[in-house]
C-alpha atoms as a PDB file:
ATOM      1  CA  MET A   1      64.162  40.713  77.153  1.00  0.00           C
ATOM      2  CA  ARG A   2      67.690  40.705  75.668  1.00  0.00           C
ATOM      3  CA  ASN A   3      69.176  44.068  74.680  1.00  0.00           C
ATOM      4  CA  GLY A   4      65.685  45.549  74.613  1.00  0.00           C
ATOM      5  CA  VAL A   5      64.217  42.879  72.276  1.00  0.00           C
ATOM      6  CA  PRO A   6      60.994  41.304  73.641  1.00  0.00           C
ATOM      7  CA  ASN A   7      60.477  37.555  73.865  1.00  0.00           C
ATOM      8  CA  LEU A   8      59.439  36.027  70.522  1.00  0.00           C
ATOM      9  CA  GLY A   9      56.481  34.250  72.102  1.00  0.00           C
ATOM     10  CA  ALA A  10      55.166  37.542  73.472  1.00  0.00           C
ATOM     11  CA  LEU A  11      55.503  39.180  70.070  1.00  0.00           C
ATOM     12  CA  GLN A  12      53.644  36.320  68.395  1.00  0.00           C
ATOM     13  CA  ALA A  13      50.871  36.494  71.001  1.00  0.00           C
ATOM     14  CA  PHE A  14      50.531  40.262  70.539  1.00  0.00           C
ATOM     15  CA  GLU A  15      50.561  40.086  66.727  1.00  0.00           C
ATOM     16  CA  ALA A  16      47.913  37.360  66.647  1.00  0.00           C
ATOM     17  CA  THR A  17      45.713  39.209  69.163  1.00  0.00           C
ATOM     18  CA  ALA A  18      46.057  42.469  67.226  1.00  0.00           C
ATOM     19  CA  ARG A  19      45.230  40.781  63.904  1.00  0.00           C
ATOM     20  CA  LEU A  20      42.330  38.676  65.184  1.00  0.00           C
ATOM     21  CA  GLY A  21      40.945  41.169  67.702  1.00  0.00           C
ATOM     22  CA  SER A  22      40.568  38.566  70.418  1.00  0.00           C
ATOM     23  CA  PHE A  23      42.699  36.773  73.008  1.00  0.00           C
ATOM     24  CA  SER A  24      40.613  33.630  72.502  1.00  0.00           C
ATOM     25  CA  ARG A  25      41.053  33.556  68.724  1.00  0.00           C
ATOM     26  CA  ALA A  26      44.770  34.248  69.087  1.00  0.00           C
ATOM     27  CA  ALA A  27      45.040  31.409  71.603  1.00  0.00           C
ATOM     28  CA  GLU A  28      43.291  29.042  69.189  1.00  0.00           C
ATOM     29  CA  GLU A  29      45.632  29.980  66.338  1.00  0.00           C
ATOM     30  CA  LEU A  30      48.747  29.609  68.495  1.00  0.00           C
ATOM     31  CA  SER A  31      47.531  26.442  70.247  1.00  0.00           C
ATOM     32  CA  LEU A  32      47.789  28.137  73.634  1.00  0.00           C
ATOM     33  CA  THR A  33      45.325  28.855  76.423  1.00  0.00           C
ATOM     34  CA  HIS A  34      43.471  32.157  76.658  1.00  0.00           C
ATOM     35  CA  SER A  35      45.254  32.981  79.915  1.00  0.00           C
ATOM     36  CA  ALA A  36      48.684  32.234  78.428  1.00  0.00           C
ATOM     37  CA  VAL A  37      48.131  34.679  75.556  1.00  0.00           C
ATOM     38  CA  TYR A  38      46.715  37.277  77.938  1.00  0.00           C
ATOM     39  CA  ARG A  39      49.762  36.988  80.207  1.00  0.00           C
ATOM     40  CA  GLN A  40      52.159  37.239  77.263  1.00  0.00           C
ATOM     41  CA  VAL A  41      50.554  40.413  75.935  1.00  0.00           C
ATOM     42  CA  THR A  42      50.148  42.007  79.344  1.00  0.00           C
ATOM     43  CA  GLY A  43      53.763  41.192  80.166  1.00  0.00           C
ATOM     44  CA  LEU A  44      54.866  42.754  76.872  1.00  0.00           C
ATOM     45  CA  GLU A  45      53.006  45.980  77.692  1.00  0.00           C
ATOM     46  CA  GLN A  46      54.580  46.085  81.159  1.00  0.00           C
ATOM     47  CA  ARG A  47      58.075  45.555  79.792  1.00  0.00           C
ATOM     48  CA  LEU A  48      57.642  48.195  77.103  1.00  0.00           C
ATOM     49  CA  GLY A  49      55.875  50.614  79.389  1.00  0.00           C
ATOM     50  CA  VAL A  50      53.355  51.283  76.613  1.00  0.00           C
ATOM     51  CA  GLN A  51      49.665  50.365  76.402  1.00  0.00           C
ATOM     52  CA  LEU A  52      49.178  48.428  73.172  1.00  0.00           C
ATOM     53  CA  LEU A  53      45.575  47.276  73.600  1.00  0.00           C
ATOM     54  CA  THR A  54      42.422  48.511  75.268  1.00  0.00           C
ATOM     55  CA  ARG A  55      40.161  45.858  76.779  1.00  0.00           C
ATOM     56  CA  ILE A  56      36.459  46.406  76.170  1.00  0.00           C
ATOM     57  CA  ARG A  57      34.555  43.555  77.814  1.00  0.00           C
ATOM     58  CA  ARG A  58      35.559  40.478  75.800  1.00  0.00           C
ATOM     59  CA  ARG A  59      36.973  42.428  72.866  1.00  0.00           C
ATOM     60  CA  VAL A  60      40.262  44.230  72.433  1.00  0.00           C
ATOM     61  CA  ALA A  61      41.158  47.261  70.357  1.00  0.00           C
ATOM     62  CA  LEU A  62      44.552  48.590  69.354  1.00  0.00           C
ATOM     63  CA  THR A  63      45.806  51.895  70.655  1.00  0.00           C
ATOM     64  CA  ASP A  64      47.575  54.123  68.129  1.00  0.00           C
ATOM     65  CA  ALA A  65      50.925  52.933  69.420  1.00  0.00           C
ATOM     66  CA  GLY A  66      49.696  49.338  69.345  1.00  0.00           C
ATOM     67  CA  ALA A  67      48.527  49.574  65.744  1.00  0.00           C
ATOM     68  CA  GLU A  68      51.894  50.925  64.610  1.00  0.00           C
ATOM     69  CA  TYR A  69      53.837  48.348  66.596  1.00  0.00           C
ATOM     70  CA  ALA A  70      51.624  45.476  65.388  1.00  0.00           C
ATOM     71  CA  GLY A  71      52.367  46.330  61.764  1.00  0.00           C
ATOM     72  CA  ARG A  72      56.106  46.366  62.400  1.00  0.00           C
ATOM     73  CA  VAL A  73      56.020  43.121  64.389  1.00  0.00           C
ATOM     74  CA  ARG A  74      53.957  41.418  61.676  1.00  0.00           C
ATOM     75  CA  HIS A  75      56.454  42.457  59.009  1.00  0.00           C
ATOM     76  CA  HIS A  76      59.415  41.081  60.972  1.00  0.00           C
ATOM     77  CA  LEU A  77      57.661  37.812  61.863  1.00  0.00           C
ATOM     78  CA  GLU A  78      56.786  37.227  58.211  1.00  0.00           C
ATOM     79  CA  GLN A  79      60.352  38.020  57.183  1.00  0.00           C
ATOM     80  CA  LEU A  80      61.632  35.574  59.807  1.00  0.00           C
ATOM     81  CA  GLU A  81      59.294  32.915  58.394  1.00  0.00           C
ATOM     82  CA  LYS A  82      60.543  33.605  54.885  1.00  0.00           C
ATOM     83  CA  ASP A  83      64.174  33.434  55.989  1.00  0.00           C
ATOM     84  CA  THR A  84      63.489  30.108  57.711  1.00  0.00           C
ATOM     85  CA  PHE A  85      61.963  28.610  54.571  1.00  0.00           C
ATOM     86  CA  GLY A  86      64.968  29.825  52.581  1.00  0.00           C
ATOM     87  CA  LEU A  87      67.411  28.319  55.044  1.00  0.00           C
ATOM     88  CA  ILE A  88      65.657  24.939  54.962  1.00  0.00           C
ATOM     89  CA  SER A  89      65.721  24.961  51.177  1.00  0.00           C
ATOM     90  CA  ARG A  90      69.417  25.869  50.970  1.00  0.00           C
ATOM     91  CA  ALA A  91      70.401  23.386  53.684  1.00  0.00           C
ATOM     92  CA  GLY A  92      69.712  20.392  51.449  1.00  0.00           C
ATOM     93  CA  MET A  93      66.577  19.305  53.302  1.00  0.00           C
ATOM     94  CA  GLY A  94      64.639  19.286  50.071  1.00  0.00           C
ATOM     95  CA  ARG A  95      63.190  22.086  47.962  1.00  0.00           C
ATOM     96  CA  SER A  96      60.301  24.004  49.478  1.00  0.00           C
ATOM     97  CA  LEU A  97      57.640  26.439  48.284  1.00  0.00           C
ATOM     98  CA  HIS A  98      55.354  28.629  50.358  1.00  0.00           C
ATOM     99  CA  ILE A  99      52.094  29.345  48.506  1.00  0.00           C
ATOM    100  CA  ALA A 100      49.324  31.767  49.480  1.00  0.00           C
ATOM    101  CA  VAL A 101      45.942  30.366  48.487  1.00  0.00           C
ATOM    102  CA  LEU A 102      42.245  31.002  48.958  1.00  0.00           C
ATOM    103  CA  PRO A 103      41.019  28.820  51.847  1.00  0.00           C
ATOM    104  CA  THR A 104      38.084  27.285  49.985  1.00  0.00           C
ATOM    105  CA  LEU A 105      40.117  26.515  46.880  1.00  0.00           C
ATOM    106  CA  ALA A 106      42.825  24.990  49.064  1.00  0.00           C
ATOM    107  CA  THR A 107      40.537  22.595  50.928  1.00  0.00           C
ATOM    108  CA  THR A 108      38.252  21.613  48.045  1.00  0.00           C
ATOM    109  CA  TRP A 109      40.566  21.635  45.020  1.00  0.00           C
ATOM    110  CA  LEU A 110      44.296  21.977  45.742  1.00  0.00           C
ATOM    111  CA  VAL A 111      44.970  19.883  48.845  1.00  0.00           C
ATOM    112  CA  PRO A 112      43.120  16.785  47.532  1.00  0.00           C
ATOM    113  CA  ARG A 113      45.437  16.860  44.485  1.00  0.00           C
ATOM    114  CA  LEU A 114      48.718  17.417  46.324  1.00  0.00           C
ATOM    115  CA  ALA A 115      49.215  13.706  46.990  1.00  0.00           C
ATOM    116  CA  THR A 116      49.581  13.266  43.233  1.00  0.00           C
ATOM    117  CA  PHE A 117      52.151  16.064  43.101  1.00  0.00           C
ATOM    118  CA  HIS A 118      54.082  14.565  46.020  1.00  0.00           C
ATOM    119  CA  ALA A 119      54.149  11.166  44.343  1.00  0.00           C
ATOM    120  CA  LEU A 120      55.756  12.764  41.283  1.00  0.00           C
ATOM    121  CA  HIS A 121      58.011  15.261  43.061  1.00  0.00           C
ATOM    122  CA  GLY A 122      58.676  13.984  46.560  1.00  0.00           C
ATOM    123  CA  ASP A 123      61.676  16.293  47.020  1.00  0.00           C
ATOM    124  CA  ILE A 124      59.517  19.445  46.807  1.00  0.00           C
ATOM    125  CA  THR A 125      57.623  20.493  49.927  1.00  0.00           C
ATOM    126  CA  ILE A 126      54.511  22.626  49.384  1.00  0.00           C
ATOM    127  CA  SER A 127      53.446  24.746  52.365  1.00  0.00           C
ATOM    128  CA  LEU A 128      50.157  26.650  52.191  1.00  0.00           C
ATOM    129  CA  SER A 129      48.860  29.764  53.940  1.00  0.00           C
ATOM    130  CA  ALA A 130      45.333  31.110  53.591  1.00  0.00           C
ATOM    131  CA  ARG A 131      44.906  34.586  52.109  1.00  0.00           C
ATOM    132  CA  THR A 132      41.588  36.053  50.964  1.00  0.00           C
ATOM    133  CA  LEU A 133      42.746  39.559  49.991  1.00  0.00           C
ATOM    134  CA  PRO A 134      45.318  40.812  47.449  1.00  0.00           C
ATOM    135  CA  PHE A 135      48.777  41.632  48.807  1.00  0.00           C
ATOM    136  CA  GLN A 136      52.239  42.776  47.753  1.00  0.00           C
ATOM    137  CA  PHE A 137      54.774  39.956  47.546  1.00  0.00           C
ATOM    138  CA  LYS A 138      57.513  42.226  48.884  1.00  0.00           C
ATOM    139  CA  ASP A 139      55.599  42.469  52.158  1.00  0.00           C
ATOM    140  CA  HIS A 140      54.880  38.748  52.593  1.00  0.00           C
ATOM    141  CA  PRO A 141      56.952  35.537  52.741  1.00  0.00           C
ATOM    142  CA  PHE A 142      55.310  33.777  49.779  1.00  0.00           C
ATOM    143  CA  ASP A 143      56.866  32.342  46.636  1.00  0.00           C
ATOM    144  CA  ALA A 144      53.579  32.463  44.721  1.00  0.00           C
ATOM    145  CA  ALA A 145      49.822  32.815  45.153  1.00  0.00           C
ATOM    146  CA  ILE A 146      46.613  31.220  43.910  1.00  0.00           C
ATOM    147  CA  TYR A 147      43.789  33.751  43.864  1.00  0.00           C
ATOM    148  CA  HIS A 148      40.469  34.834  42.344  1.00  0.00           C
ATOM    149  CA  ALA A 149      40.529  37.933  40.119  1.00  0.00           C
ATOM    150  CA  GLY A 150      39.536  39.455  36.816  1.00  0.00           C
ATOM    151  CA  GLN A 151      43.096  39.208  35.520  1.00  0.00           C
ATOM    152  CA  ILE A 152      46.566  38.272  36.638  1.00  0.00           C
ATOM    153  CA  TRP A 153      47.986  40.554  39.339  1.00  0.00           C
ATOM    154  CA  PRO A 154      50.202  43.458  38.196  1.00  0.00           C
ATOM    155  CA  GLN A 155      53.953  42.887  38.307  1.00  0.00           C
ATOM    156  CA  THR A 156      53.518  39.110  38.447  1.00  0.00           C
ATOM    157  CA  THR A 157      53.984  36.254  36.006  1.00  0.00           C
ATOM    158  CA  GLY A 158      51.887  33.107  35.918  1.00  0.00           C
ATOM    159  CA  ILE A 159      48.920  31.282  34.442  1.00  0.00           C
ATOM    160  CA  LYS A 160      45.149  31.178  34.560  1.00  0.00           C
ATOM    161  CA  LEU A 161      44.058  27.927  36.176  1.00  0.00           C
ATOM    162  CA  PHE A 162      40.360  27.925  35.272  1.00  0.00           C
ATOM    163  CA  ASP A 163      37.335  30.196  34.974  1.00  0.00           C
ATOM    164  CA  GLU A 164      34.860  30.301  37.826  1.00  0.00           C
ATOM    165  CA  GLU A 165      32.094  30.389  35.183  1.00  0.00           C
ATOM    166  CA  ALA A 166      28.947  30.605  37.318  1.00  0.00           C
ATOM    167  CA  LEU A 167      27.371  30.720  40.755  1.00  0.00           C
ATOM    168  CA  VAL A 168      24.384  28.450  41.342  1.00  0.00           C
ATOM    169  CA  PRO A 169      21.779  28.435  44.153  1.00  0.00           C
ATOM    170  CA  VAL A 170      21.748  25.275  46.285  1.00  0.00           C
ATOM    171  CA  CYS A 171      20.004  23.951  49.380  1.00  0.00           C
ATOM    172  CA  ILE A 172      19.057  20.629  50.946  1.00  0.00           C
ATOM    173  CA  PRO A 173      16.036  18.860  49.361  1.00  0.00           C
ATOM    174  CA  GLU A 174      13.958  19.268  52.520  1.00  0.00           C
ATOM    175  CA  LEU A 175      13.879  23.059  52.143  1.00  0.00           C
ATOM    176  CA  LEU A 176      11.995  22.813  48.874  1.00  0.00           C
ATOM    177  CA  THR A 177       8.830  22.185  50.880  1.00  0.00           C
ATOM    178  CA  ALA A 178       9.023  25.796  52.095  1.00  0.00           C
ATOM    179  CA  LEU A 179       8.598  27.177  48.581  1.00  0.00           C
ATOM    180  CA  HIS A 180       5.270  28.940  48.035  1.00  0.00           C
ATOM    181  CA  GLN A 181       5.518  27.946  44.385  1.00  0.00           C
ATOM    182  CA  GLU A 182       8.209  26.417  42.215  1.00  0.00           C
ATOM    183  CA  GLY A 183      11.176  28.769  41.930  1.00  0.00           C
ATOM    184  CA  ASP A 184       9.893  31.260  44.543  1.00  0.00           C
ATOM    185  CA  LEU A 185      12.756  31.413  47.039  1.00  0.00           C
ATOM    186  CA  SER A 186      11.529  34.289  49.199  1.00  0.00           C
ATOM    187  CA  ALA A 187      10.379  32.004  52.052  1.00  0.00           C
ATOM    188  CA  ILE A 188      13.866  30.512  52.548  1.00  0.00           C
ATOM    189  CA  THR A 189      16.806  32.204  54.276  1.00  0.00           C
ATOM    190  CA  HIS A 190      19.491  33.351  51.836  1.00  0.00           C
ATOM    191  CA  LEU A 191      23.134  32.768  52.806  1.00  0.00           C
ATOM    192  CA  HIS A 192      25.575  35.528  51.811  1.00  0.00           C
ATOM    193  CA  MET A 193      29.337  35.818  51.231  1.00  0.00           C
ATOM    194  CA  LEU A 194      31.066  38.762  52.902  1.00  0.00           C
ATOM    195  CA  SER A 195      33.433  39.231  49.966  1.00  0.00           C
ATOM    196  CA  ARG A 196      30.560  39.198  47.441  1.00  0.00           C
ATOM    197  CA  PRO A 197      27.805  41.133  49.205  1.00  0.00           C
ATOM    198  CA  ASP A 198      25.842  41.846  46.014  1.00  0.00           C
ATOM    199  CA  ALA A 199      25.946  38.345  44.525  1.00  0.00           C
ATOM    200  CA  TRP A 200      22.334  37.494  45.381  1.00  0.00           C
ATOM    201  CA  ARG A 201      21.122  40.862  44.122  1.00  0.00           C
ATOM    202  CA  HIS A 202      22.901  40.277  40.806  1.00  0.00           C
ATOM    203  CA  TRP A 203      21.513  36.736  40.609  1.00  0.00           C
ATOM    204  CA  TYR A 204      17.960  38.030  40.990  1.00  0.00           C
ATOM    205  CA  GLU A 205      18.580  40.745  38.399  1.00  0.00           C
ATOM    206  CA  ALA A 206      19.990  38.163  35.966  1.00  0.00           C
ATOM    207  CA  GLN A 207      16.797  36.114  36.321  1.00  0.00           C
ATOM    208  CA  GLY A 208      14.532  39.167  35.936  1.00  0.00           C
ATOM    209  CA  ARG A 209      13.230  38.651  39.488  1.00  0.00           C
ATOM    210  CA  GLU A 210      12.462  41.172  42.201  1.00  0.00           C
ATOM    211  CA  TYR A 211      15.075  41.382  44.950  1.00  0.00           C
ATOM    212  CA  LEU A 212      13.052  41.723  48.150  1.00  0.00           C
ATOM    213  CA  PRO A 213      14.546  43.414  51.259  1.00  0.00           C
ATOM    214  CA  ILE A 214      14.087  40.236  53.314  1.00  0.00           C
ATOM    215  CA  ILE A 215      16.643  38.465  51.114  1.00  0.00           C
ATOM    216  CA  SER A 216      19.493  40.667  52.382  1.00  0.00           C
ATOM    217  CA  ALA A 217      18.656  39.810  56.007  1.00  0.00           C
ATOM    218  CA  GLY A 218      20.281  36.378  55.816  1.00  0.00           C
ATOM    219  CA  PRO A 219      23.551  35.497  57.608  1.00  0.00           C
ATOM    220  CA  ARG A 220      26.929  36.346  56.129  1.00  0.00           C
ATOM    221  CA  TYR A 221      29.987  34.100  55.964  1.00  0.00           C
ATOM    222  CA  GLU A 222      33.636  34.754  55.236  1.00  0.00           C
ATOM    223  CA  LEU A 223      34.335  31.641  53.137  1.00  0.00           C
ATOM    224  CA  PHE A 224      32.501  29.605  50.513  1.00  0.00           C
ATOM    225  CA  THR A 225      33.233  26.506  52.598  1.00  0.00           C
ATOM    226  CA  MET A 226      31.213  28.096  55.389  1.00  0.00           C
ATOM    227  CA  VAL A 227      28.342  28.818  52.999  1.00  0.00           C
ATOM    228  CA  LEU A 228      28.519  25.223  51.769  1.00  0.00           C
ATOM    229  CA  ALA A 229      28.475  23.864  55.340  1.00  0.00           C
ATOM    230  CA  ALA A 230      25.537  26.117  56.219  1.00  0.00           C
ATOM    231  CA  ALA A 231      23.617  24.958  53.150  1.00  0.00           C
ATOM    232  CA  ARG A 232      24.352  21.313  54.006  1.00  0.00           C
ATOM    233  CA  SER A 233      23.018  21.947  57.509  1.00  0.00           C
ATOM    234  CA  GLY A 234      19.733  23.275  56.195  1.00  0.00           C
ATOM    235  CA  LEU A 235      20.335  26.867  57.290  1.00  0.00           C
ATOM    236  CA  GLY A 236      19.259  28.284  53.945  1.00  0.00           C
ATOM    237  CA  ILE A 237      20.082  28.687  50.256  1.00  0.00           C
ATOM    238  CA  GLY A 238      23.691  29.292  49.302  1.00  0.00           C
ATOM    239  CA  LEU A 239      24.999  30.811  46.078  1.00  0.00           C
ATOM    240  CA  LEU A 240      28.103  28.780  45.272  1.00  0.00           C
ATOM    241  CA  PRO A 241      30.590  28.344  42.429  1.00  0.00           C
ATOM    242  CA  ARG A 242      29.280  25.542  40.247  1.00  0.00           C
ATOM    243  CA  PHE A 243      32.534  23.550  40.450  1.00  0.00           C
ATOM    244  CA  LEU A 244      32.278  23.604  44.245  1.00  0.00           C
ATOM    245  CA  ALA A 245      28.589  22.667  44.383  1.00  0.00           C
ATOM    246  CA  GLN A 246      28.605  20.038  41.629  1.00  0.00           C
ATOM    247  CA  PRO A 247      29.802  17.052  43.740  1.00  0.00           C
ATOM    248  CA  GLU A 248      26.995  17.723  46.235  1.00  0.00           C
ATOM    249  CA  LEU A 249      24.451  18.088  43.429  1.00  0.00           C
ATOM    250  CA  ASP A 250      25.634  14.845  41.815  1.00  0.00           C
ATOM    251  CA  ALA A 251      25.324  13.045  45.165  1.00  0.00           C
ATOM    252  CA  GLY A 252      21.858  14.473  45.778  1.00  0.00           C
ATOM    253  CA  THR A 253      22.809  15.970  49.154  1.00  0.00           C
ATOM    254  CA  LEU A 254      22.080  19.407  47.699  1.00  0.00           C
ATOM    255  CA  VAL A 255      19.633  20.454  44.996  1.00  0.00           C
ATOM    256  CA  LYS A 256      19.012  23.548  42.901  1.00  0.00           C
ATOM    257  CA  PRO A 257      15.796  25.228  44.087  1.00  0.00           C
ATOM    258  CA  ALA A 258      15.851  27.313  40.881  1.00  0.00           C
ATOM    259  CA  GLN A 259      17.619  26.821  37.579  1.00  0.00           C
ATOM    260  CA  GLY A 260      19.006  30.330  37.082  1.00  0.00           C
ATOM    261  CA  ILE A 261      22.751  30.986  37.350  1.00  0.00           C
ATOM    262  CA  LEU A 262      24.934  34.055  37.796  1.00  0.00           C
ATOM    263  CA  ASN A 263      27.707  34.185  35.219  1.00  0.00           C
ATOM    264  CA  VAL A 264      31.056  35.210  36.706  1.00  0.00           C
ATOM    265  CA  PRO A 265      33.729  36.752  34.461  1.00  0.00           C
ATOM    266  CA  ASP A 266      36.566  36.222  36.975  1.00  0.00           C
ATOM    267  CA  ALA A 267      38.921  33.254  37.170  1.00  0.00           C
ATOM    268  CA  TYR A 268      41.478  31.562  39.422  1.00  0.00           C
ATOM    269  CA  PHE A 269      45.134  32.418  38.749  1.00  0.00           C
ATOM    270  CA  PHE A 270      48.562  31.269  39.869  1.00  0.00           C
ATOM    271  CA  SER A 271      51.369  33.819  39.767  1.00  0.00           C
ATOM    272  CA  TYR A 272      54.623  34.984  41.328  1.00  0.00           C
ATOM    273  CA  PRO A 273      56.703  38.204  41.224  1.00  0.00           C
ATOM    274  CA  SER A 274      58.056  39.135  37.806  1.00  0.00           C
ATOM    275  CA  ASP A 275      61.201  40.663  39.294  1.00  0.00           C
ATOM    276  CA  ARG A 276      62.351  37.394  40.907  1.00  0.00           C
ATOM    277  CA  GLU A 277      64.092  34.557  39.145  1.00  0.00           C
ATOM    278  CA  ARG A 278      61.751  31.583  39.021  1.00  0.00           C
ATOM    279  CA  SER A 279      63.231  28.640  40.883  1.00  0.00           C
ATOM    280  CA  GLN A 280      63.244  25.170  39.363  1.00  0.00           C
ATOM    281  CA  ALA A 281      60.815  23.984  42.051  1.00  0.00           C
ATOM    282  CA  LEU A 282      58.418  26.826  41.245  1.00  0.00           C
ATOM    283  CA  GLY A 283      58.573  25.980  37.545  1.00  0.00           C
ATOM    284  CA  VAL A 284      57.801  22.321  38.284  1.00  0.00           C
ATOM    285  CA  PHE A 285      54.847  23.276  40.477  1.00  0.00           C
ATOM    286  CA  GLU A 286      53.497  25.709  37.869  1.00  0.00           C
ATOM    287  CA  ALA A 287      53.632  23.055  35.141  1.00  0.00           C
ATOM    288  CA  TRP A 288      51.877  20.543  37.392  1.00  0.00           C
ATOM    289  CA  LEU A 289      49.165  23.073  38.284  1.00  0.00           C
ATOM    290  CA  ALA A 290      48.545  23.816  34.612  1.00  0.00           C
ATOM    291  CA  GLU A 291      47.988  20.110  33.959  1.00  0.00           C
ATOM    292  CA  ALA A 292      45.883  19.607  37.101  1.00  0.00           C
ATOM    293  CA  ALA A 293      43.596  22.480  36.095  1.00  0.00           C
ATOM    294  CA  GLN A 294      42.730  20.936  32.744  1.00  0.00           C
ATOM    295  CA  PRO A 295      39.069  19.798  32.567  1.00  0.00           C
END
């Protein structure tokens, strides 16, 4: 510790453990061993003379002091990341953008198209970080964000990429044999999204069907990619955005066990803070996104 400032590695280990609630998950994110993260955090507590975490079997919980300190550490780490990106950009190593994006949209839509962007604009580096919840740009090191919402975020400027349009039920063909009758899905496990807990209920209401209690007993997943993987594996019926499910439906790896859809009024947007001057690189990326999002 120099002049009272803890080691950066210890701070990163503590922040990741506090955010993820687990030494193991923090170790996976940081590409370290469980014991290395544990030693870093324990050493930090000993140096500070303050208990930051309580260990309850295999889980950890933040003390009041730990929760406050974790928030401050997270803010400074994100600011350090932002400053680093800015330095790289100003140092003539090429223009760079740091974009927050929904994980599923990143892996299924954005990343597969970035090779085209790079071929056109090889001097602009696009770095991506996954974010599933709204945030304030002033508190995070991002130049822009791609997100799902009913409208563009307040105090930002940007464009609508495309409408989500509809969610459709999908499963592997083999599960259709479990149907008591055509369109009766009650015998098959329903897969749920944590961020859209009422989606299946609304789907049943839209079809004029009864929503049985057993339907809500199915497993819940954090990301649509997880729901898609679970559906592919035969774990049940997923309710997925049509644009995400369509390649699987076209290939025949997934089928629609019922024809009803759930219309979704929300869309995917790209925006950045209105109070910042838009960089040339950001303008180039926005124009390319607008073209890439065209049907």
